[in-house]
Amino acid sequence: MSGIATLKFKEKGESHLIQAVIANISLQGTGLYSYDSIKVRKCVSITINFISLNGEIRTDSVEGRVIFKKKIGKTYFIGIQFHEEINAKNQPSLFDHIQGTITWDV
């Protein structure tokens, strides 16, 4: 999957944003690469911008919790488990993409 994720979360009462590149994604969670660190167990709102199977740029949002973080050189690999599985109702474009369904806009 080609895409970028923006993680939004609160830390000490302040809002923070982290940009990350999507390494992998499933209906239950995602793996991301970022130059910025985030604490394990931190709850995040994720906006995912990706290129759909038909070449369109799509955006969907999902909530989750950081369950894993590993530093690799200057980059962090971050694992996030979604609070609720991605589904056709709440994240239609992302659900179609993960399921391999092409939805053409006409």
C-alpha atoms as a PDB file:
ATOM      1  CA  MET A   1       0.000   0.000   0.000  1.00  0.00           C
ATOM      2  CA  SER A   2       1.328   3.433  -0.916  1.00  0.00           C
ATOM      3  CA  GLY A   3       0.309   6.029   1.612  1.00  0.00           C
ATOM      4  CA  ILE A   4       0.989   8.437   4.424  1.00  0.00           C
ATOM      5  CA  ALA A   5      -0.499   8.397   7.906  1.00  0.00           C
ATOM      6  CA  THR A   6      -0.874  11.395  10.192  1.00  0.00           C
ATOM      7  CA  LEU A   7      -1.126  10.471  13.855  1.00  0.00           C
ATOM      8  CA  LYS A   8      -2.799  12.936  16.195  1.00  0.00           C
ATOM      9  CA  PHE A   9      -2.537  12.512  19.956  1.00  0.00           C
ATOM     10  CA  LYS A  10      -2.361  14.432  23.236  1.00  0.00           C
ATOM     11  CA  GLU A  11       0.758  14.565  25.383  1.00  0.00           C
ATOM     12  CA  LYS A  12       0.758  16.563  28.619  1.00  0.00           C
ATOM     13  CA  GLY A  13      -2.392  18.413  27.535  1.00  0.00           C
ATOM     14  CA  GLU A  14      -0.956  19.472  24.162  1.00  0.00           C
ATOM     15  CA  SER A  15      -1.948  18.168  20.731  1.00  0.00           C
ATOM     16  CA  HIS A  16       0.797  16.574  18.633  1.00  0.00           C
ATOM     17  CA  LEU A  17       1.007  15.381  15.036  1.00  0.00           C
ATOM     18  CA  ILE A  18       3.359  12.763  13.622  1.00  0.00           C
ATOM     19  CA  GLN A  19       3.761  12.008   9.912  1.00  0.00           C
ATOM     20  CA  ALA A  20       4.530   8.411   8.991  1.00  0.00           C
ATOM     21  CA  VAL A  21       4.852   6.191   5.931  1.00  0.00           C
ATOM     22  CA  ILE A  22       2.655   3.102   5.829  1.00  0.00           C
ATOM     23  CA  ALA A  23       4.704  -0.105   5.900  1.00  0.00           C
ATOM     24  CA  ASN A  24       1.707  -2.449   6.051  1.00  0.00           C
ATOM     25  CA  ILE A  25      -1.965  -2.417   6.932  1.00  0.00           C
ATOM     26  CA  SER A  26      -4.730  -4.898   7.720  1.00  0.00           C
ATOM     27  CA  LEU A  27      -8.296  -4.614   8.948  1.00  0.00           C
ATOM     28  CA  GLN A  28      -7.004  -4.785  12.543  1.00  0.00           C
ATOM     29  CA  GLY A  29      -3.929  -2.535  12.496  1.00  0.00           C
ATOM     30  CA  THR A  30      -1.022  -0.925  10.710  1.00  0.00           C
ATOM     31  CA  GLY A  31       2.757  -0.744  10.756  1.00  0.00           C
ATOM     32  CA  LEU A  32       4.320   2.662  10.139  1.00  0.00           C
ATOM     33  CA  TYR A  33       7.771   4.197   9.645  1.00  0.00           C
ATOM     34  CA  SER A  34       8.422   7.603  11.214  1.00  0.00           C
ATOM     35  CA  TYR A  35      11.345   9.796  12.229  1.00  0.00           C
ATOM     36  CA  ASP A  36       9.313  10.782  15.303  1.00  0.00           C
ATOM     37  CA  SER A  37       8.833   8.627  18.365  1.00  0.00           C
ATOM     38  CA  ILE A  38       5.599   7.958  20.242  1.00  0.00           C
ATOM     39  CA  LYS A  39       4.964   6.120  23.490  1.00  0.00           C
ATOM     40  CA  VAL A  40       3.647   2.570  23.512  1.00  0.00           C
ATOM     41  CA  ARG A  41       0.013   2.415  24.740  1.00  0.00           C
ATOM     42  CA  LYS A  42      -0.667   5.954  23.432  1.00  0.00           C
ATOM     43  CA  CYS A  43      -4.131   6.291  21.832  1.00  0.00           C
ATOM     44  CA  VAL A  44      -4.078   8.026  18.450  1.00  0.00           C
ATOM     45  CA  SER A  45      -6.392   9.303  15.742  1.00  0.00           C
ATOM     46  CA  ILE A  46      -5.002   8.339  12.350  1.00  0.00           C
ATOM     47  CA  THR A  47      -5.745  10.019   9.037  1.00  0.00           C
ATOM     48  CA  ILE A  48      -4.619   7.758   6.212  1.00  0.00           C
ATOM     49  CA  ASN A  49      -3.999   9.220   2.740  1.00  0.00           C
ATOM     50  CA  PHE A  50      -3.359   6.521   0.154  1.00  0.00           C
ATOM     51  CA  ILE A  51      -3.444   5.738  -3.546  1.00  0.00           C
ATOM     52  CA  SER A  52      -6.407   3.473  -4.285  1.00  0.00           C
ATOM     53  CA  LEU A  53      -6.280   0.479  -6.597  1.00  0.00           C
ATOM     54  CA  ASN A  54      -7.690   2.634  -9.412  1.00  0.00           C
ATOM     55  CA  GLY A  55      -5.057   5.371  -8.907  1.00  0.00           C
ATOM     56  CA  GLU A  56      -7.183   7.884  -6.973  1.00  0.00           C
ATOM     57  CA  ILE A  57      -5.931   9.596  -3.822  1.00  0.00           C
ATOM     58  CA  ARG A  58      -8.233   8.591  -0.949  1.00  0.00           C
ATOM     59  CA  THR A  59      -8.491   9.533   2.721  1.00  0.00           C
ATOM     60  CA  ASP A  60      -9.997   7.644   5.642  1.00  0.00           C
ATOM     61  CA  SER A  61      -9.627   7.928   9.412  1.00  0.00           C
ATOM     62  CA  VAL A  62      -9.381   5.350  12.167  1.00  0.00           C
ATOM     63  CA  GLU A  63      -8.654   5.294  15.914  1.00  0.00           C
ATOM     64  CA  GLY A  64      -6.088   3.047  17.544  1.00  0.00           C
ATOM     65  CA  ARG A  65      -3.429   2.418  20.164  1.00  0.00           C
ATOM     66  CA  VAL A  66       0.336   2.094  19.788  1.00  0.00           C
ATOM     67  CA  ILE A  67       1.270  -1.475  20.735  1.00  0.00           C
ATOM     68  CA  PHE A  68       4.852  -1.615  19.483  1.00  0.00           C
ATOM     69  CA  LYS A  69       7.777   0.702  18.790  1.00  0.00           C
ATOM     70  CA  LYS A  70      11.266  -0.228  17.610  1.00  0.00           C
ATOM     71  CA  LYS A  71      14.056   2.143  16.570  1.00  0.00           C
ATOM     72  CA  ILE A  72      15.906   1.179  13.390  1.00  0.00           C
ATOM     73  CA  GLY A  73      18.725   3.656  12.801  1.00  0.00           C
ATOM     74  CA  LYS A  74      17.088   7.095  12.813  1.00  0.00           C
ATOM     75  CA  THR A  75      13.655   5.673  12.014  1.00  0.00           C
ATOM     76  CA  TYR A  76      10.981   4.220  14.271  1.00  0.00           C
ATOM     77  CA  PHE A  77       8.802   1.284  13.271  1.00  0.00           C
ATOM     78  CA  ILE A  78       5.461   1.799  15.021  1.00  0.00           C
ATOM     79  CA  GLY A  79       2.751  -0.842  15.344  1.00  0.00           C
ATOM     80  CA  ILE A  80      -0.815   0.325  15.901  1.00  0.00           C
ATOM     81  CA  GLN A  81      -3.830  -1.810  16.747  1.00  0.00           C
ATOM     82  CA  PHE A  82      -7.147  -0.262  15.714  1.00  0.00           C
ATOM     83  CA  HIS A  83      -9.844   0.121  18.384  1.00  0.00           C
ATOM     84  CA  GLU A  84     -12.366  -1.231  15.888  1.00  0.00           C
ATOM     85  CA  GLU A  85     -11.716  -3.303  12.779  1.00  0.00           C
ATOM     86  CA  ILE A  86     -11.763  -1.305   9.527  1.00  0.00           C
ATOM     87  CA  ASN A  87     -15.162  -1.781   7.911  1.00  0.00           C
ATOM     88  CA  ALA A  88     -17.162  -0.746   4.838  1.00  0.00           C
ATOM     89  CA  LYS A  89     -19.378   1.636   6.823  1.00  0.00           C
ATOM     90  CA  ASN A  90     -16.749   3.684   8.671  1.00  0.00           C
ATOM     91  CA  GLN A  91     -13.770   3.534   6.271  1.00  0.00           C
ATOM     92  CA  PRO A  92     -15.254   2.586   2.877  1.00  0.00           C
ATOM     93  CA  SER A  93     -12.275   3.490   0.663  1.00  0.00           C
ATOM     94  CA  LEU A  94      -9.714   1.865   2.942  1.00  0.00           C
ATOM     95  CA  PHE A  95     -11.873  -1.242   3.404  1.00  0.00           C
ATOM     96  CA  ASP A  96     -12.250  -1.644  -0.381  1.00  0.00           C
ATOM     97  CA  HIS A  97      -8.502  -1.198  -0.848  1.00  0.00           C
ATOM     98  CA  ILE A  98      -7.550  -3.774   1.770  1.00  0.00           C
ATOM     99  CA  GLN A  99     -10.115  -6.239   0.410  1.00  0.00           C
ATOM    100  CA  GLY A 100      -8.775  -5.674  -3.123  1.00  0.00           C
ATOM    101  CA  THR A 101     -12.029  -4.242  -4.471  1.00  0.00           C
ATOM    102  CA  ILE A 102     -11.825  -1.532  -7.130  1.00  0.00           C
ATOM    103  CA  THR A 103     -14.551   1.101  -6.908  1.00  0.00           C
ATOM    104  CA  TRP A 104     -14.594   3.290 -10.018  1.00  0.00           C
ATOM    105  CA  ASP A 105     -15.995   6.804  -9.775  1.00  0.00           C
ATOM    106  CA  VAL A 106     -18.071   7.810 -12.795  1.00  0.00           C
END
